[in-house]
Amino acid sequence: MEILTTRFGPITIAALDRVEFPRGLVGVPQLKRFVLVRDPQLARLFWLQSTRDPAWAFALIEPRAVDSGYQVRTTPEQLAALQVGDAREIEVFVTLNRTAKDTLANLQAPILINRRRSLGVQLVVPDSQYAVRHVVGFSTAMRKSA
């Protein structure tokens, strides 16, 4: 399958890289179908690219790259939405956002993906020990953010 993106131009994606978010994402509940794309320039950076709207893509990183002790606590209902048999099937990411001064990670709203089932969910962890605007301790030369 080929999709058009504003950051990378047309890209060919594998079925394994497709992810559906039945409930959408925070702030954009209407967008439900995405692909997970590894950034060609920065190995630890991924993009969650909408397949419906080429302008929407979210920069993602594994949270332990930002906070080595990061842990996500989930409920059985949240795991059921991902159709997982084993928690090791889940990949966890957090979104990155760049301001004029800093790169920020949203550690309070992790994105969980079960690639085997092509399903994803974004959790919002209220009363969390993690910040919505956690300053990342490294420089990230991200492309223009969504």
Foldseek 3Di string as FASTA:
>chain_A
DWAAAPPPGIDDDDLLQKAFECQCAVPCRVQGIWGWAQDPPDRQWIWTAGRVDRHAIFIKGQCCLQPVPDDDDDDPVVVVQQVDPDPVQKGKIWTWDDDPVFIFTQSQWIKIHRSVSRYIYTDGHPPDPDHGGHTGPDDDPDDDHD
